[in-house]
Amino acid sequence: FGYYVAMPQNSNVTLNWTLDADGGLNQLFTEVTDGGL
């Protein structure tokens, strides 16, 4: 599970997550468990 998260076409989204105070973990786990991001 989760391969698509690191695909280049999604990096604009995932890079924005890393700007959060927790380094993007909450948004990453939301995407993994529930999707929608």
All heavy atoms as atom14 arrays in JSON, in Angstrom:
{
  "sequence": "FGYYVAMPQNSNVTLNWTLDADGGLNQLFTEVTDGGL",
  "atom14_mask": [
    [1, 1, 1, 1, 1, 1, 1, 1, 1, 1, 1, 0, 0, 0],
    [1, 1, 1, 1, 0, 0, 0, 0, 0, 0, 0, 0, 0, 0],
    [1, 1, 1, 1, 1, 1, 1, 1, 1, 1, 1, 1, 0, 0],
    [1, 1, 1, 1, 1, 1, 1, 1, 1, 1, 1, 1, 0, 0],
    [1, 1, 1, 1, 1, 1, 1, 0, 0, 0, 0, 0, 0, 0],
    [1, 1, 1, 1, 1, 0, 0, 0, 0, 0, 0, 0, 0, 0],
    [1, 1, 1, 1, 1, 1, 1, 1, 0, 0, 0, 0, 0, 0],
    [1, 1, 1, 1, 1, 1, 1, 0, 0, 0, 0, 0, 0, 0],
    [1, 1, 1, 1, 1, 1, 1, 1, 1, 0, 0, 0, 0, 0],
    [1, 1, 1, 1, 1, 1, 1, 1, 0, 0, 0, 0, 0, 0],
    [1, 1, 1, 1, 1, 1, 0, 0, 0, 0, 0, 0, 0, 0],
    [1, 1, 1, 1, 1, 1, 1, 1, 0, 0, 0, 0, 0, 0],
    [1, 1, 1, 1, 1, 1, 1, 0, 0, 0, 0, 0, 0, 0],
    [1, 1, 1, 1, 1, 1, 1, 0, 0, 0, 0, 0, 0, 0],
    [1, 1, 1, 1, 1, 1, 1, 1, 0, 0, 0, 0, 0, 0],
    [1, 1, 1, 1, 1, 1, 1, 1, 0, 0, 0, 0, 0, 0],
    [1, 1, 1, 1, 1, 1, 1, 1, 1, 1, 1, 1, 1, 1],
    [1, 1, 1, 1, 1, 1, 1, 0, 0, 0, 0, 0, 0, 0],
    [1, 1, 1, 1, 1, 1, 1, 1, 0, 0, 0, 0, 0, 0],
    [1, 1, 1, 1, 1, 1, 1, 1, 0, 0, 0, 0, 0, 0],
    [1, 1, 1, 1, 1, 0, 0, 0, 0, 0, 0, 0, 0, 0],
    [1, 1, 1, 1, 1, 1, 1, 1, 0, 0, 0, 0, 0, 0],
    [1, 1, 1, 1, 0, 0, 0, 0, 0, 0, 0, 0, 0, 0],
    [1, 1, 1, 1, 0, 0, 0, 0, 0, 0, 0, 0, 0, 0],
    [1, 1, 1, 1, 1, 1, 1, 1, 0, 0, 0, 0, 0, 0],
    [1, 1, 1, 1, 1, 1, 1, 1, 0, 0, 0, 0, 0, 0],
    [1, 1, 1, 1, 1, 1, 1, 1, 1, 0, 0, 0, 0, 0],
    [1, 1, 1, 1, 1, 1, 1, 1, 0, 0, 0, 0, 0, 0],
    [1, 1, 1, 1, 1, 1, 1, 1, 1, 1, 1, 0, 0, 0],
    [1, 1, 1, 1, 1, 1, 1, 0, 0, 0, 0, 0, 0, 0],
    [1, 1, 1, 1, 1, 1, 1, 1, 1, 0, 0, 0, 0, 0],
    [1, 1, 1, 1, 1, 1, 1, 0, 0, 0, 0, 0, 0, 0],
    [1, 1, 1, 1, 1, 1, 1, 0, 0, 0, 0, 0, 0, 0],
    [1, 1, 1, 1, 1, 1, 1, 1, 0, 0, 0, 0, 0, 0],
    [1, 1, 1, 1, 0, 0, 0, 0, 0, 0, 0, 0, 0, 0],
    [1, 1, 1, 1, 0, 0, 0, 0, 0, 0, 0, 0, 0, 0],
    [1, 1, 1, 1, 1, 1, 1, 1, 0, 0, 0, 0, 0, 0]
  ],
  "atom14_positions": [
    [[0.83, -1.2, 0.0], [0.0, 0.0, 0.0], [0.86, 1.25, 0.0], [1.94, 1.27, 0.58], [-0.97, 0.02, 1.19], [-0.31, 0.08, 2.54], [-0.02, 1.3, 3.14], [0.03, -1.08, 3.22], [0.58, 1.36, 4.4], [0.63, -1.04, 4.48], [0.9, 0.19, 5.07], [0.0, 0.0, 0.0], [0.0, 0.0, 0.0], [0.0, 0.0, 0.0]],
    [[0.4, 2.28, -0.7], [1.0, 3.6, -0.64], [1.94, 4.0, -1.76], [2.44, 5.12, -1.76], [0.0, 0.0, 0.0], [0.0, 0.0, 0.0], [0.0, 0.0, 0.0], [0.0, 0.0, 0.0], [0.0, 0.0, 0.0], [0.0, 0.0, 0.0], [0.0, 0.0, 0.0], [0.0, 0.0, 0.0], [0.0, 0.0, 0.0], [0.0, 0.0, 0.0]],
    [[2.17, 3.15, -2.73], [3.15, 3.45, -3.78], [2.87, 4.79, -4.46], [3.78, 5.57, -4.71], [3.19, 2.32, -4.8], [4.15, 2.56, -5.94], [5.52, 2.39, -5.76], [3.7, 2.97, -7.19], [6.42, 2.62, -6.79], [4.59, 3.2, -8.22], [5.94, 3.02, -8.02], [6.83, 3.25, -9.04], [0.0, 0.0, 0.0], [0.0, 0.0, 0.0]],
    [[1.64, 5.05, -4.77], [1.3, 6.24, -5.55], [1.65, 7.55, -4.84], [1.83, 8.58, -5.49], [-0.19, 6.24, -5.92], [-1.12, 6.46, -4.75], [-1.5, 7.74, -4.36], [-1.63, 5.39, -4.02], [-2.34, 7.95, -3.29], [-2.48, 5.58, -2.96], [-2.83, 6.86, -2.59], [-3.66, 7.06, -1.52], [0.0, 0.0, 0.0], [0.0, 0.0, 0.0]],
    [[1.78, 7.52, -3.52], [2.04, 8.75, -2.77], [3.35, 9.4, -3.23], [3.47, 10.62, -3.27], [2.06, 8.46, -1.25], [2.44, 9.7, -0.47], [0.69, 7.95, -0.8], [0.0, 0.0, 0.0], [0.0, 0.0, 0.0], [0.0, 0.0, 0.0], [0.0, 0.0, 0.0], [0.0, 0.0, 0.0], [0.0, 0.0, 0.0], [0.0, 0.0, 0.0]],
    [[4.34, 8.6, -3.59], [5.65, 9.14, -3.98], [5.8, 9.37, -5.48], [6.85, 9.8, -5.92], [6.75, 8.18, -3.51], [0.0, 0.0, 0.0], [0.0, 0.0, 0.0], [0.0, 0.0, 0.0], [0.0, 0.0, 0.0], [0.0, 0.0, 0.0], [0.0, 0.0, 0.0], [0.0, 0.0, 0.0], [0.0, 0.0, 0.0], [0.0, 0.0, 0.0]],
    [[4.78, 9.1, -6.24], [4.91, 9.27, -7.69], [5.08, 10.75, -8.03], [4.49, 11.61, -7.38], [3.71, 8.65, -8.4], [3.68, 7.14, -8.21], [2.25, 6.36, -8.97], [2.78, 6.36, -10.66], [0.0, 0.0, 0.0], [0.0, 0.0, 0.0], [0.0, 0.0, 0.0], [0.0, 0.0, 0.0], [0.0, 0.0, 0.0], [0.0, 0.0, 0.0]],
    [[5.91, 11.05, -9.03], [6.21, 12.46, -9.36], [4.98, 13.32, -9.58], [4.98, 14.5, -9.2], [7.05, 12.34, -10.63], [7.68, 11.0, -10.55], [6.66, 10.12, -9.87], [0.0, 0.0, 0.0], [0.0, 0.0, 0.0], [0.0, 0.0, 0.0], [0.0, 0.0, 0.0], [0.0, 0.0, 0.0], [0.0, 0.0, 0.0], [0.0, 0.0, 0.0]],
    [[3.94, 12.77, -10.18], [2.75, 13.59, -10.44], [2.04, 14.0, -9.14], [1.19, 14.89, -9.17], [1.78, 12.88, -11.38], [1.18, 11.61, -10.84], [1.92, 10.37, -11.25], [3.14, 10.39, -11.42], [1.2, 9.27, -11.4], [0.0, 0.0, 0.0], [0.0, 0.0, 0.0], [0.0, 0.0, 0.0], [0.0, 0.0, 0.0], [0.0, 0.0, 0.0]],
    [[2.41, 13.39, -8.01], [1.78, 13.75, -6.74], [2.71, 14.55, -5.83], [2.32, 14.93, -4.73], [1.32, 12.48, -6.01], [0.26, 11.75, -6.8], [-0.57, 12.37, -7.45], [0.31, 10.44, -6.78], [0.0, 0.0, 0.0], [0.0, 0.0, 0.0], [0.0, 0.0, 0.0], [0.0, 0.0, 0.0], [0.0, 0.0, 0.0], [0.0, 0.0, 0.0]],
    [[3.92, 14.82, -6.3], [4.9, 15.48, -5.43], [4.5, 16.91, -5.05], [4.86, 17.39, -3.98], [6.29, 15.45, -6.04], [6.33, 16.21, -7.23], [0.0, 0.0, 0.0], [0.0, 0.0, 0.0], [0.0, 0.0, 0.0], [0.0, 0.0, 0.0], [0.0, 0.0, 0.0], [0.0, 0.0, 0.0], [0.0, 0.0, 0.0], [0.0, 0.0, 0.0]],
    [[3.75, 17.58, -5.9], [3.31, 18.93, -5.54], [2.42, 18.89, -4.29], [2.48, 19.77, -3.44], [2.6, 19.63, -6.69], [1.36, 18.89, -7.16], [1.29, 17.66, -7.09], [0.38, 19.62, -7.65], [0.0, 0.0, 0.0], [0.0, 0.0, 0.0], [0.0, 0.0, 0.0], [0.0, 0.0, 0.0], [0.0, 0.0, 0.0], [0.0, 0.0, 0.0]],
    [[1.61, 17.84, -4.17], [0.75, 17.69, -3.0], [1.57, 17.27, -1.78], [1.48, 17.88, -0.71], [-0.37, 16.64, -3.27], [-1.18, 16.37, -2.01], [-1.27, 17.11, -4.4], [0.0, 0.0, 0.0], [0.0, 0.0, 0.0], [0.0, 0.0, 0.0], [0.0, 0.0, 0.0], [0.0, 0.0, 0.0], [0.0, 0.0, 0.0], [0.0, 0.0, 0.0]],
    [[2.39, 16.23, -1.95], [3.11, 15.69, -0.8], [4.18, 16.66, -0.29], [4.44, 16.7, 0.91], [3.73, 14.32, -1.13], [4.52, 14.41, -2.31], [2.64, 13.28, -1.34], [0.0, 0.0, 0.0], [0.0, 0.0, 0.0], [0.0, 0.0, 0.0], [0.0, 0.0, 0.0], [0.0, 0.0, 0.0], [0.0, 0.0, 0.0], [0.0, 0.0, 0.0]],
    [[4.8, 17.42, -1.19], [5.76, 18.42, -0.73], [5.09, 19.48, 0.15], [5.67, 19.94, 1.14], [6.45, 19.1, -1.91], [7.7, 18.41, -2.43], [8.18, 19.06, -3.73], [8.82, 18.41, -1.39], [0.0, 0.0, 0.0], [0.0, 0.0, 0.0], [0.0, 0.0, 0.0], [0.0, 0.0, 0.0], [0.0, 0.0, 0.0], [0.0, 0.0, 0.0]],
    [[3.87, 19.85, -0.19], [3.13, 20.81, 0.64], [2.87, 20.24, 2.03], [2.88, 20.98, 3.02], [1.83, 21.22, -0.03], [2.05, 22.25, -1.11], [3.02, 23.01, -1.08], [1.17, 22.26, -2.1], [0.0, 0.0, 0.0], [0.0, 0.0, 0.0], [0.0, 0.0, 0.0], [0.0, 0.0, 0.0], [0.0, 0.0, 0.0], [0.0, 0.0, 0.0]],
    [[2.63, 18.94, 2.12], [2.41, 18.33, 3.43], [3.62, 18.53, 4.33], [3.49, 18.72, 5.53], [2.15, 16.83, 3.32], [0.93, 16.42, 2.57], [-0.11, 17.22, 2.17], [0.63, 15.1, 2.13], [-1.03, 16.47, 1.49], [-0.61, 15.16, 1.46], [1.29, 13.89, 2.22], [-1.21, 14.05, 0.9], [0.69, 12.75, 1.67], [-0.54, 12.84, 1.02]],
    [[4.82, 18.43, 3.75], [6.04, 18.49, 4.56], [6.24, 19.86, 5.21], [7.07, 20.0, 6.12], [7.29, 18.14, 3.72], [7.51, 19.15, 2.73], [7.16, 16.77, 3.08], [0.0, 0.0, 0.0], [0.0, 0.0, 0.0], [0.0, 0.0, 0.0], [0.0, 0.0, 0.0], [0.0, 0.0, 0.0], [0.0, 0.0, 0.0], [0.0, 0.0, 0.0]],
    [[5.5, 20.87, 4.78], [5.6, 22.2, 5.37], [4.84, 22.31, 6.69], [5.03, 23.27, 7.43], [5.08, 23.25, 4.39], [5.81, 23.3, 3.03], [5.14, 24.3, 2.11], [7.28, 23.61, 3.22], [0.0, 0.0, 0.0], [0.0, 0.0, 0.0], [0.0, 0.0, 0.0], [0.0, 0.0, 0.0], [0.0, 0.0, 0.0], [0.0, 0.0, 0.0]],
    [[4.0, 21.33, 7.0], [3.25, 21.33, 8.25], [4.21, 21.14, 9.43], [5.31, 20.6, 9.28], [2.21, 20.21, 8.27], [1.09, 20.44, 7.27], [1.01, 21.54, 6.69], [0.29, 19.51, 7.07], [0.0, 0.0, 0.0], [0.0, 0.0, 0.0], [0.0, 0.0, 0.0], [0.0, 0.0, 0.0], [0.0, 0.0, 0.0], [0.0, 0.0, 0.0]],
    [[3.76, 21.55, 10.6], [4.6, 21.47, 11.8], [5.05, 20.03, 12.09], [6.14, 19.82, 12.64], [3.84, 22.03, 13.0], [0.0, 0.0, 0.0], [0.0, 0.0, 0.0], [0.0, 0.0, 0.0], [0.0, 0.0, 0.0], [0.0, 0.0, 0.0], [0.0, 0.0, 0.0], [0.0, 0.0, 0.0], [0.0, 0.0, 0.0], [0.0, 0.0, 0.0]],
    [[4.23, 19.04, 11.72], [4.59, 17.64, 11.98], [5.34, 17.0, 10.82], [5.53, 15.79, 10.78], [3.36, 16.82, 12.33], [2.43, 16.61, 11.14], [2.61, 17.29, 10.08], [1.53, 15.76, 11.24], [0.0, 0.0, 0.0], [0.0, 0.0, 0.0], [0.0, 0.0, 0.0], [0.0, 0.0, 0.0], [0.0, 0.0, 0.0], [0.0, 0.0, 0.0]],
    [[5.77, 17.83, 9.86], [6.5, 17.31, 8.7], [5.63, 16.6, 7.69], [6.13, 15.94, 6.79], [0.0, 0.0, 0.0], [0.0, 0.0, 0.0], [0.0, 0.0, 0.0], [0.0, 0.0, 0.0], [0.0, 0.0, 0.0], [0.0, 0.0, 0.0], [0.0, 0.0, 0.0], [0.0, 0.0, 0.0], [0.0, 0.0, 0.0], [0.0, 0.0, 0.0]],
    [[4.31, 16.71, 7.84], [3.39, 16.11, 6.89], [2.78, 14.79, 7.33], [1.99, 14.19, 6.59], [0.0, 0.0, 0.0], [0.0, 0.0, 0.0], [0.0, 0.0, 0.0], [0.0, 0.0, 0.0], [0.0, 0.0, 0.0], [0.0, 0.0, 0.0], [0.0, 0.0, 0.0], [0.0, 0.0, 0.0], [0.0, 0.0, 0.0], [0.0, 0.0, 0.0]],
    [[3.13, 14.32, 8.52], [2.68, 12.99, 8.94], [1.17, 12.86, 9.05], [0.6, 11.84, 8.63], [3.33, 12.59, 10.26], [4.81, 12.28, 10.19], [5.37, 11.98, 11.58], [5.07, 11.13, 9.24], [0.0, 0.0, 0.0], [0.0, 0.0, 0.0], [0.0, 0.0, 0.0], [0.0, 0.0, 0.0], [0.0, 0.0, 0.0], [0.0, 0.0, 0.0]],
    [[0.5, 13.85, 9.61], [-0.96, 13.73, 9.75], [-1.64, 13.62, 8.39], [-2.53, 12.78, 8.21], [-1.53, 14.91, 10.54], [-1.25, 14.78, 12.02], [-1.04, 13.68, 12.54], [-1.19, 15.91, 12.7], [0.0, 0.0, 0.0], [0.0, 0.0, 0.0], [0.0, 0.0, 0.0], [0.0, 0.0, 0.0], [0.0, 0.0, 0.0], [0.0, 0.0, 0.0]],
    [[-1.23, 14.45, 7.45], [-1.84, 14.38, 6.12], [-1.47, 13.08, 5.41], [-2.31, 12.47, 4.73], [-1.44, 15.59, 5.29], [-2.06, 16.87, 5.85], [-2.0, 18.01, 4.88], [-2.75, 18.01, 3.91], [-1.13, 18.97, 5.15], [0.0, 0.0, 0.0], [0.0, 0.0, 0.0], [0.0, 0.0, 0.0], [0.0, 0.0, 0.0], [0.0, 0.0, 0.0]],
    [[-0.24, 12.62, 5.58], [0.17, 11.35, 4.98], [-0.69, 10.2, 5.52], [-1.21, 9.4, 4.73], [1.65, 11.08, 5.26], [2.16, 9.7, 4.81], [2.09, 9.56, 3.29], [3.58, 9.49, 5.3], [0.0, 0.0, 0.0], [0.0, 0.0, 0.0], [0.0, 0.0, 0.0], [0.0, 0.0, 0.0], [0.0, 0.0, 0.0], [0.0, 0.0, 0.0]],
    [[-0.84, 10.13, 6.82], [-1.64, 9.04, 7.38], [-3.12, 9.17, 7.02], [-3.81, 8.16, 6.85], [-1.44, 8.93, 8.9], [-0.18, 8.17, 9.25], [0.94, 8.83, 9.71], [-0.12, 6.79, 9.08], [2.1, 8.13, 10.01], [1.03, 6.08, 9.38], [2.15, 6.75, 9.85], [0.0, 0.0, 0.0], [0.0, 0.0, 0.0], [0.0, 0.0, 0.0]],
    [[-3.61, 10.39, 6.88], [-4.99, 10.57, 6.41], [-5.14, 10.02, 5.0], [-6.1, 9.3, 4.7], [-5.4, 12.06, 6.45], [-5.39, 12.5, 7.81], [-6.77, 12.28, 5.83], [0.0, 0.0, 0.0], [0.0, 0.0, 0.0], [0.0, 0.0, 0.0], [0.0, 0.0, 0.0], [0.0, 0.0, 0.0], [0.0, 0.0, 0.0], [0.0, 0.0, 0.0]],
    [[-4.19, 10.33, 4.13], [-4.25, 9.81, 2.76], [-4.16, 8.29, 2.75], [-4.9, 7.61, 2.04], [-3.14, 10.41, 1.9], [-3.09, 9.88, 0.47], [-4.37, 10.12, -0.31], [-5.03, 11.16, -0.11], [-4.7, 9.26, -1.16], [0.0, 0.0, 0.0], [0.0, 0.0, 0.0], [0.0, 0.0, 0.0], [0.0, 0.0, 0.0], [0.0, 0.0, 0.0]],
    [[-3.26, 7.74, 3.53], [-3.09, 6.28, 3.57], [-4.37, 5.6, 4.06], [-4.83, 4.63, 3.46], [-1.88, 5.89, 4.44], [-1.88, 4.4, 4.75], [-0.58, 6.28, 3.74], [0.0, 0.0, 0.0], [0.0, 0.0, 0.0], [0.0, 0.0, 0.0], [0.0, 0.0, 0.0], [0.0, 0.0, 0.0], [0.0, 0.0, 0.0], [0.0, 0.0, 0.0]],
    [[-4.94, 6.09, 5.14], [-6.09, 5.39, 5.74], [-7.43, 5.74, 5.11], [-8.29, 4.87, 5.01], [-6.16, 5.65, 7.25], [-6.26, 7.06, 7.49], [-4.93, 5.1, 7.95], [0.0, 0.0, 0.0], [0.0, 0.0, 0.0], [0.0, 0.0, 0.0], [0.0, 0.0, 0.0], [0.0, 0.0, 0.0], [0.0, 0.0, 0.0], [0.0, 0.0, 0.0]],
    [[-7.61, 6.99, 4.68], [-8.92, 7.43, 4.22], [-8.95, 7.99, 2.81], [-10.02, 8.1, 2.22], [-9.48, 8.5, 5.17], [-9.58, 8.01, 6.59], [-9.99, 6.85, 6.8], [-9.22, 8.77, 7.51], [0.0, 0.0, 0.0], [0.0, 0.0, 0.0], [0.0, 0.0, 0.0], [0.0, 0.0, 0.0], [0.0, 0.0, 0.0], [0.0, 0.0, 0.0]],
    [[-7.81, 8.43, 2.3], [-7.76, 9.04, 0.98], [-8.33, 10.45, 1.0], [-8.59, 11.04, 2.04], [0.0, 0.0, 0.0], [0.0, 0.0, 0.0], [0.0, 0.0, 0.0], [0.0, 0.0, 0.0], [0.0, 0.0, 0.0], [0.0, 0.0, 0.0], [0.0, 0.0, 0.0], [0.0, 0.0, 0.0], [0.0, 0.0, 0.0], [0.0, 0.0, 0.0]],
    [[-8.51, 10.98, -0.2], [-9.14, 12.28, -0.35], [-8.19, 13.46, -0.47], [-8.63, 14.57, -0.74], [0.0, 0.0, 0.0], [0.0, 0.0, 0.0], [0.0, 0.0, 0.0], [0.0, 0.0, 0.0], [0.0, 0.0, 0.0], [0.0, 0.0, 0.0], [0.0, 0.0, 0.0], [0.0, 0.0, 0.0], [0.0, 0.0, 0.0], [0.0, 0.0, 0.0]],
    [[-6.89, 13.25, -0.27], [-5.95, 14.37, -0.34], [-5.16, 14.4, -1.64], [-4.64, 15.45, -2.01], [-4.99, 14.32, 0.85], [-5.64, 14.37, 2.24], [-4.58, 14.32, 3.32], [-6.5, 15.61, 2.38], [0.0, 0.0, 0.0], [0.0, 0.0, 0.0], [0.0, 0.0, 0.0], [0.0, 0.0, 0.0], [0.0, 0.0, 0.0], [0.0, 0.0, 0.0]]
  ]
}
